[in-house]
Amino acid sequence: MSEVSPWIAVVDDDPAVLKALSRLLRSHGYKVHTYVSGQEFLASLPDGLPDCLIVDLQMPVMGGQELREHLIHNGYIIPTIMITAHHDAAMGQENLRFADLLLKPLQDSTLLAAIDRAIIAPRADS
């Protein structure tokens, strides 16, 4: 019996980031779905939950923090990795409960290690 590859949802309003992360994650054996907004990701929830969510902290309309809070409020517990290009935005986010907060440009090894931690962590702890 073959092992099912974990699937990762990536939410970022930058198409170049989506393309790069999708390529990287697929090359490491993950199934990847990309979304250009939090709303697009939320619309996909009836199709199932990802094993890990990678989301940009700052996006128009619904940023990563708002998306995370919406998910938790509605009972969706998904291990989440926040990413941001804005160091200032990362400051003061320590009260958020998520797997990691990573600064762009992302280092492949750092991101892959964060995904491993997120997927291994029990969903109740995320």
Protein backbone atom coordinates (compact mmCIF):
# COMPACT_ATOMS: atom_id res chain seq x y z
CA MET A 1 0.00 0.00 0.00
CA SER A 2 1.46 3.38 -0.98
CA GLU A 3 1.61 6.29 1.41
CA VAL A 4 -0.55 9.30 0.55
CA SER A 5 1.44 12.51 0.04
CA PRO A 6 0.47 15.35 2.38
CA TRP A 7 -1.19 18.25 0.65
CA ILE A 8 -0.29 21.84 1.23
CA ALA A 9 -2.50 24.87 0.54
CA VAL A 10 -0.61 28.05 -0.34
CA VAL A 11 -2.43 31.40 -0.15
CA ASP A 12 -0.60 34.45 -1.50
CA ASP A 13 -1.68 37.36 -3.69
CA ASP A 14 1.64 37.26 -5.59
CA PRO A 15 1.47 34.83 -8.56
CA ALA A 16 5.28 34.54 -8.63
CA VAL A 17 5.33 33.36 -5.02
CA LEU A 18 2.56 30.85 -5.72
CA LYS A 19 4.42 29.47 -8.73
CA ALA A 20 7.76 29.22 -6.91
CA LEU A 21 6.32 27.57 -3.80
CA SER A 22 4.20 25.20 -5.85
CA ARG A 23 7.24 24.11 -7.85
CA LEU A 24 9.39 23.68 -4.73
CA LEU A 25 6.80 21.71 -2.78
CA ARG A 26 5.87 19.45 -5.68
CA SER A 27 9.55 18.66 -6.23
CA HIS A 28 9.61 17.41 -2.61
CA GLY A 29 6.60 15.14 -3.08
CA TYR A 30 3.80 17.29 -1.71
CA LYS A 31 0.44 17.79 -3.38
CA VAL A 32 -0.09 21.54 -3.67
CA HIS A 33 -3.12 23.74 -4.25
CA THR A 34 -2.60 27.49 -4.65
CA TYR A 35 -5.04 30.31 -3.97
CA VAL A 36 -4.71 34.03 -4.74
CA SER A 37 -6.85 35.12 -1.77
CA GLY A 38 -8.21 34.02 1.56
CA GLN A 39 -11.70 34.08 0.08
CA GLU A 40 -10.70 31.68 -2.69
CA PHE A 41 -9.20 29.31 -0.11
CA LEU A 42 -12.33 29.48 2.07
CA ALA A 43 -14.49 28.64 -0.95
CA SER A 44 -12.44 25.45 -1.39
CA LEU A 45 -13.01 24.13 2.15
CA PRO A 46 -15.92 21.86 1.20
CA ASP A 47 -13.38 19.86 -0.84
CA GLY A 48 -11.40 19.01 2.32
CA LEU A 49 -8.73 20.40 4.61
CA PRO A 50 -5.05 20.59 3.74
CA ASP A 51 -2.44 18.99 5.97
CA CYS A 52 -0.71 22.38 6.18
CA LEU A 53 -1.59 25.94 5.20
CA ILE A 54 1.03 28.44 4.06
CA VAL A 55 -0.43 31.94 3.98
CA ASP A 56 0.88 35.45 3.38
CA LEU A 57 0.42 37.64 6.42
CA GLN A 58 -0.37 40.76 4.37
CA MET A 59 -2.87 40.51 1.53
CA PRO A 60 -5.67 42.80 0.37
CA VAL A 61 -9.12 42.29 1.91
CA MET A 62 -8.21 39.30 4.12
CA GLY A 63 -4.65 38.90 5.36
CA GLY A 64 -3.19 35.77 6.90
CA GLN A 65 -4.09 36.71 10.45
CA GLU A 66 -7.71 37.36 9.52
CA LEU A 67 -7.89 34.11 7.57
CA ARG A 68 -6.43 32.15 10.48
CA GLU A 69 -8.87 33.74 12.95
CA HIS A 70 -11.80 33.01 10.62
CA LEU A 71 -10.76 29.36 10.33
CA ILE A 72 -10.40 28.91 14.09
CA HIS A 73 -13.69 30.71 14.77
CA ASN A 74 -15.42 28.28 12.40
CA GLY A 75 -13.81 25.19 13.89
CA TYR A 76 -11.15 24.54 11.24
CA ILE A 77 -7.85 23.63 12.86
CA ILE A 78 -5.14 23.58 10.19
CA PRO A 79 -1.41 23.74 10.97
CA THR A 80 -0.42 27.10 9.54
CA ILE A 81 2.79 28.77 8.46
CA MET A 82 2.63 32.53 8.00
CA ILE A 83 4.97 34.17 5.51
CA THR A 84 5.67 37.86 5.00
CA ALA A 85 8.03 40.16 3.16
CA HIS A 86 7.41 42.88 5.72
CA HIS A 87 9.59 42.52 8.79
CA ASP A 88 7.59 45.22 10.57
CA ALA A 89 4.38 43.24 10.04
CA ALA A 90 5.99 40.20 11.60
CA MET A 91 6.69 42.09 14.81
CA GLY A 92 3.91 41.88 17.35
CA GLN A 93 2.50 38.66 15.90
CA GLU A 94 3.75 36.49 18.75
CA ASN A 95 0.24 36.14 20.15
CA LEU A 96 -0.87 34.26 17.05
CA ARG A 97 -0.91 30.49 17.31
CA PHE A 98 0.64 29.03 14.20
CA ALA A 99 3.47 26.70 13.28
CA ASP A 100 5.96 29.34 12.18
CA LEU A 101 6.34 32.88 10.91
CA LEU A 102 8.87 33.05 8.09
CA LEU A 103 10.28 36.10 6.35
CA LYS A 104 10.52 36.33 2.57
CA PRO A 105 12.61 35.57 0.67
CA LEU A 106 12.07 32.07 2.02
CA GLN A 107 14.93 29.64 2.42
CA ASP A 108 13.94 26.25 1.02
CA SER A 109 15.36 24.28 3.94
CA THR A 110 13.70 26.55 6.52
CA LEU A 111 10.31 26.26 4.83
CA LEU A 112 10.55 22.50 4.44
CA ALA A 113 11.52 22.10 8.10
CA ALA A 114 8.56 24.28 9.13
CA ILE A 115 6.22 22.12 7.04
CA ASP A 116 7.60 18.97 8.64
CA ARG A 117 6.97 20.43 12.11
CA ALA A 118 3.46 21.58 11.15
CA ILE A 119 2.44 18.23 9.70
CA ILE A 120 3.88 16.21 12.58
CA ALA A 121 2.27 18.44 15.24
CA PRO A 122 -1.14 17.22 16.39
CA ARG A 123 -3.93 19.34 14.90
CA ALA A 124 -5.28 20.12 18.37
CA ASP A 125 -2.02 21.90 19.21
CA SER A 126 -1.96 24.17 16.16
